[in-house]
N, C-alpha and C. Protein backbone atom coordinates (compact mmCIF):
# COMPACT_ATOMS: atom_id res chain seq x y z
N MET A 1 27.27 -14.78 -4.12
CA MET A 1 25.99 -15.45 -3.95
C MET A 1 26.26 -16.90 -3.58
N GLU A 2 25.65 -17.33 -2.51
CA GLU A 2 25.82 -18.69 -2.02
C GLU A 2 24.64 -19.53 -2.46
N ILE A 3 24.89 -20.74 -2.93
CA ILE A 3 23.82 -21.65 -3.34
C ILE A 3 23.67 -22.70 -2.26
N LEU A 4 22.48 -22.81 -1.69
CA LEU A 4 22.19 -23.77 -0.65
C LEU A 4 21.05 -24.67 -1.10
N THR A 5 20.96 -25.86 -0.54
CA THR A 5 19.93 -26.81 -0.92
C THR A 5 18.92 -26.95 0.20
N THR A 6 17.66 -27.05 -0.18
CA THR A 6 16.57 -27.32 0.75
C THR A 6 15.60 -28.22 0.03
N LYS A 7 14.55 -28.67 0.67
CA LYS A 7 13.59 -29.51 -0.05
C LYS A 7 12.17 -29.07 0.22
N VAL A 8 11.29 -29.47 -0.66
CA VAL A 8 9.87 -29.16 -0.54
C VAL A 8 9.25 -30.18 0.41
N GLY A 9 8.55 -29.67 1.41
CA GLY A 9 7.91 -30.54 2.40
C GLY A 9 6.43 -30.70 2.14
N LYS A 10 5.73 -31.18 3.16
CA LYS A 10 4.29 -31.36 3.05
C LYS A 10 3.62 -30.05 2.68
N ARG A 11 2.60 -30.14 1.88
CA ARG A 11 1.80 -28.98 1.45
C ARG A 11 2.65 -27.92 0.76
N GLY A 12 3.82 -28.29 0.23
CA GLY A 12 4.62 -27.35 -0.54
C GLY A 12 5.48 -26.43 0.28
N THR A 13 5.63 -26.70 1.58
CA THR A 13 6.46 -25.81 2.40
C THR A 13 7.93 -25.94 2.02
N ILE A 14 8.61 -24.83 2.06
CA ILE A 14 10.04 -24.79 1.78
C ILE A 14 10.72 -24.06 2.93
N VAL A 15 11.77 -24.65 3.47
CA VAL A 15 12.53 -24.00 4.54
C VAL A 15 13.63 -23.19 3.88
N ILE A 16 13.63 -21.89 4.13
CA ILE A 16 14.69 -21.03 3.62
C ILE A 16 15.84 -21.12 4.63
N PRO A 17 17.01 -21.52 4.18
CA PRO A 17 18.13 -21.68 5.10
C PRO A 17 18.37 -20.43 5.95
N GLY A 18 18.75 -20.66 7.22
CA GLY A 18 18.94 -19.57 8.18
C GLY A 18 19.91 -18.51 7.72
N LEU A 19 20.97 -18.92 7.04
CA LEU A 19 21.96 -17.97 6.56
C LEU A 19 21.31 -16.91 5.66
N ILE A 20 20.45 -17.37 4.78
CA ILE A 20 19.76 -16.46 3.85
C ILE A 20 18.71 -15.64 4.59
N ARG A 21 17.93 -16.30 5.47
CA ARG A 21 16.92 -15.57 6.25
C ARG A 21 17.57 -14.44 7.05
N ASP A 22 18.68 -14.74 7.69
CA ASP A 22 19.37 -13.73 8.50
C ASP A 22 19.84 -12.57 7.63
N ARG A 23 20.43 -12.90 6.49
CA ARG A 23 20.95 -11.87 5.60
C ARG A 23 19.84 -10.95 5.09
N LEU A 24 18.65 -11.52 4.87
CA LEU A 24 17.53 -10.73 4.34
C LEU A 24 16.62 -10.19 5.44
N GLY A 25 16.95 -10.50 6.69
CA GLY A 25 16.13 -10.00 7.79
C GLY A 25 14.76 -10.66 7.85
N MET A 26 14.67 -11.88 7.39
CA MET A 26 13.39 -12.60 7.39
C MET A 26 13.25 -13.39 8.69
N GLU A 27 12.09 -13.26 9.29
CA GLU A 27 11.80 -14.03 10.50
C GLU A 27 10.40 -14.61 10.38
N GLN A 28 9.99 -15.39 11.36
CA GLN A 28 8.67 -16.00 11.31
C GLN A 28 7.61 -14.92 11.13
N GLY A 29 6.73 -15.13 10.17
CA GLY A 29 5.66 -14.17 9.90
C GLY A 29 6.00 -13.15 8.83
N THR A 30 7.23 -13.14 8.34
CA THR A 30 7.61 -12.20 7.27
C THR A 30 6.81 -12.50 6.01
N LEU A 31 6.22 -11.47 5.43
CA LEU A 31 5.52 -11.65 4.16
C LEU A 31 6.53 -11.81 3.04
N VAL A 32 6.24 -12.70 2.10
CA VAL A 32 7.13 -12.89 0.96
C VAL A 32 6.33 -12.85 -0.33
N ILE A 33 7.02 -12.51 -1.39
CA ILE A 33 6.46 -12.56 -2.74
C ILE A 33 7.07 -13.78 -3.41
N VAL A 34 6.24 -14.60 -4.02
CA VAL A 34 6.72 -15.79 -4.72
C VAL A 34 6.30 -15.67 -6.16
N GLU A 35 7.26 -15.78 -7.07
CA GLU A 35 6.94 -15.71 -8.49
C GLU A 35 7.74 -16.73 -9.27
N GLU A 36 7.18 -17.13 -10.37
CA GLU A 36 7.84 -18.06 -11.28
C GLU A 36 8.35 -17.26 -12.46
N LYS A 37 9.62 -17.44 -12.79
CA LYS A 37 10.20 -16.70 -13.90
C LYS A 37 11.24 -17.57 -14.59
N ASP A 38 11.03 -17.77 -15.86
CA ASP A 38 11.98 -18.54 -16.67
C ASP A 38 12.33 -19.89 -16.05
N GLY A 39 11.32 -20.59 -15.54
CA GLY A 39 11.53 -21.92 -14.98
C GLY A 39 12.11 -21.92 -13.58
N ALA A 40 12.22 -20.78 -12.93
CA ALA A 40 12.75 -20.69 -11.58
C ALA A 40 11.70 -20.13 -10.64
N VAL A 41 11.83 -20.44 -9.36
CA VAL A 41 10.95 -19.87 -8.34
C VAL A 41 11.75 -18.80 -7.61
N ILE A 42 11.20 -17.61 -7.57
CA ILE A 42 11.87 -16.49 -6.89
C ILE A 42 11.05 -16.15 -5.65
N ILE A 43 11.70 -16.12 -4.51
CA ILE A 43 11.06 -15.78 -3.24
C ILE A 43 11.81 -14.58 -2.69
N ARG A 44 11.07 -13.50 -2.40
CA ARG A 44 11.73 -12.32 -1.84
C ARG A 44 10.84 -11.67 -0.80
N PRO A 45 11.45 -10.99 0.18
CA PRO A 45 10.63 -10.32 1.20
C PRO A 45 9.70 -9.30 0.55
N ALA A 46 8.49 -9.20 1.10
CA ALA A 46 7.51 -8.22 0.62
C ALA A 46 7.45 -7.07 1.61
N VAL A 47 7.03 -5.93 1.13
CA VAL A 47 6.83 -4.77 1.99
C VAL A 47 5.34 -4.53 2.09
N ALA A 48 4.82 -4.52 3.29
CA ALA A 48 3.40 -4.24 3.51
C ALA A 48 3.27 -2.81 4.02
N VAL A 49 2.50 -2.02 3.32
CA VAL A 49 2.29 -0.63 3.70
C VAL A 49 0.89 -0.50 4.29
N PRO A 50 0.79 0.03 5.49
CA PRO A 50 -0.55 0.17 6.08
C PRO A 50 -1.42 1.11 5.25
N VAL A 51 -2.66 0.77 5.17
CA VAL A 51 -3.62 1.58 4.43
C VAL A 51 -4.12 2.71 5.33
N GLU A 52 -4.05 3.92 4.80
CA GLU A 52 -4.56 5.05 5.58
C GLU A 52 -6.07 5.11 5.44
N GLU A 53 -6.74 5.39 6.53
CA GLU A 53 -8.18 5.58 6.49
C GLU A 53 -8.45 7.04 6.86
N TYR A 54 -9.23 7.70 6.02
CA TYR A 54 -9.52 9.11 6.23
C TYR A 54 -10.95 9.30 6.72
N SER A 55 -11.14 10.26 7.60
CA SER A 55 -12.49 10.63 8.02
C SER A 55 -13.16 11.32 6.84
N LEU A 56 -14.49 11.41 6.88
CA LEU A 56 -15.21 12.11 5.82
C LEU A 56 -14.77 13.56 5.72
N ARG A 57 -14.53 14.19 6.85
CA ARG A 57 -14.08 15.59 6.84
C ARG A 57 -12.72 15.72 6.15
N ARG A 58 -11.81 14.78 6.42
CA ARG A 58 -10.49 14.80 5.78
C ARG A 58 -10.63 14.57 4.27
N LYS A 59 -11.54 13.68 3.88
CA LYS A 59 -11.78 13.44 2.45
C LYS A 59 -12.30 14.71 1.78
N ALA A 60 -13.17 15.42 2.47
CA ALA A 60 -13.69 16.68 1.94
C ALA A 60 -12.56 17.69 1.77
N GLU A 61 -11.67 17.77 2.75
CA GLU A 61 -10.52 18.67 2.67
C GLU A 61 -9.63 18.32 1.48
N LEU A 62 -9.36 17.04 1.30
CA LEU A 62 -8.53 16.60 0.18
C LEU A 62 -9.18 16.93 -1.16
N LEU A 63 -10.48 16.74 -1.24
CA LEU A 63 -11.19 17.08 -2.48
C LEU A 63 -11.00 18.56 -2.82
N LEU A 64 -11.27 19.41 -1.84
CA LEU A 64 -11.18 20.84 -2.09
C LEU A 64 -9.75 21.29 -2.43
N ASN A 65 -8.77 20.71 -1.76
CA ASN A 65 -7.38 21.08 -2.00
C ASN A 65 -6.85 20.60 -3.34
N ASN A 66 -7.51 19.63 -3.95
CA ASN A 66 -7.03 19.07 -5.21
C ASN A 66 -7.78 19.57 -6.44
N ALA A 67 -8.60 20.59 -6.27
CA ALA A 67 -9.29 21.17 -7.42
C ALA A 67 -8.26 21.77 -8.37
N VAL A 68 -8.45 21.55 -9.67
CA VAL A 68 -7.45 22.02 -10.64
C VAL A 68 -7.76 23.39 -11.23
N ASP A 69 -9.03 23.79 -11.20
CA ASP A 69 -9.41 25.10 -11.72
C ASP A 69 -10.72 25.52 -11.04
N GLU A 70 -11.20 26.69 -11.37
CA GLU A 70 -12.41 27.20 -10.73
C GLU A 70 -13.63 26.33 -11.00
N GLN A 71 -13.76 25.82 -12.21
CA GLN A 71 -14.89 24.95 -12.55
C GLN A 71 -14.84 23.66 -11.72
N ASP A 72 -13.67 23.07 -11.61
CA ASP A 72 -13.50 21.87 -10.81
C ASP A 72 -13.77 22.17 -9.34
N TYR A 73 -13.31 23.33 -8.88
CA TYR A 73 -13.52 23.74 -7.50
C TYR A 73 -15.02 23.87 -7.19
N ALA A 74 -15.77 24.48 -8.09
CA ALA A 74 -17.22 24.63 -7.89
C ALA A 74 -17.89 23.26 -7.80
N ARG A 75 -17.47 22.35 -8.67
CA ARG A 75 -18.04 20.99 -8.68
C ARG A 75 -17.71 20.27 -7.37
N LEU A 76 -16.48 20.43 -6.89
CA LEU A 76 -16.07 19.76 -5.66
C LEU A 76 -16.72 20.38 -4.43
N ARG A 77 -16.99 21.68 -4.47
CA ARG A 77 -17.72 22.30 -3.36
C ARG A 77 -19.10 21.66 -3.23
N GLU A 78 -19.75 21.42 -4.36
CA GLU A 78 -21.06 20.76 -4.35
C GLU A 78 -20.95 19.34 -3.78
N GLU A 79 -19.91 18.65 -4.16
CA GLU A 79 -19.68 17.30 -3.66
C GLU A 79 -19.50 17.31 -2.15
N VAL A 80 -18.73 18.27 -1.65
CA VAL A 80 -18.49 18.39 -0.22
C VAL A 80 -19.80 18.71 0.51
N GLU A 81 -20.64 19.53 -0.08
CA GLU A 81 -21.95 19.84 0.52
C GLU A 81 -22.82 18.58 0.57
N ARG A 82 -22.75 17.74 -0.48
CA ARG A 82 -23.51 16.49 -0.48
C ARG A 82 -23.00 15.53 0.61
N MET A 83 -21.75 15.71 0.99
CA MET A 83 -21.18 14.89 2.06
C MET A 83 -21.64 15.39 3.43
N GLY A 84 -22.31 16.55 3.45
CA GLY A 84 -22.84 17.08 4.70
C GLY A 84 -21.98 18.14 5.36
N PHE A 85 -21.04 18.72 4.60
CA PHE A 85 -20.15 19.73 5.17
C PHE A 85 -20.33 21.07 4.45
N GLU A 86 -20.06 22.13 5.17
CA GLU A 86 -20.02 23.47 4.60
C GLU A 86 -18.58 23.69 4.13
N PRO A 87 -18.34 23.80 2.82
CA PRO A 87 -16.98 23.93 2.30
C PRO A 87 -16.16 25.05 2.96
N ASP A 88 -16.82 26.18 3.30
CA ASP A 88 -16.09 27.29 3.89
C ASP A 88 -15.60 27.00 5.31
N ASP A 89 -16.16 25.96 5.95
CA ASP A 89 -15.74 25.58 7.30
C ASP A 89 -14.55 24.62 7.28
N ILE A 90 -14.14 24.20 6.09
CA ILE A 90 -13.04 23.25 5.96
C ILE A 90 -11.81 24.01 5.46
N PRO A 91 -10.69 23.94 6.19
CA PRO A 91 -9.50 24.65 5.73
C PRO A 91 -9.00 24.06 4.41
N HIS A 92 -8.79 24.93 3.43
CA HIS A 92 -8.30 24.48 2.12
C HIS A 92 -7.81 25.68 1.31
N GLN A 93 -7.10 25.39 0.24
CA GLN A 93 -6.59 26.42 -0.66
C GLN A 93 -7.41 26.37 -1.96
N ARG A 94 -7.89 27.52 -2.38
CA ARG A 94 -8.59 27.60 -3.66
C ARG A 94 -7.58 27.54 -4.79
N PRO A 95 -7.99 26.99 -5.94
CA PRO A 95 -7.06 26.97 -7.08
C PRO A 95 -6.81 28.37 -7.61
């Protein structure tokens, strides 16, 4: 582990030395997590995972496929009907 010195600039900006940025694959625009722990500041690359967006039909399919028993399945069929779909027209596995 190499210890390098940098300084805090205007508005709290900190330049992470190039050697460390290169090693961690950090470039302009990289998201980072900053936390304070035991009197130290820890900065590490963050991972951003895109959020999946599902259509209403896909949500209905997921509901039906995740029923845990017959009672739950009946309740979810009603929910899917309230969403405007015919449960039998949506491919799914019964519990």
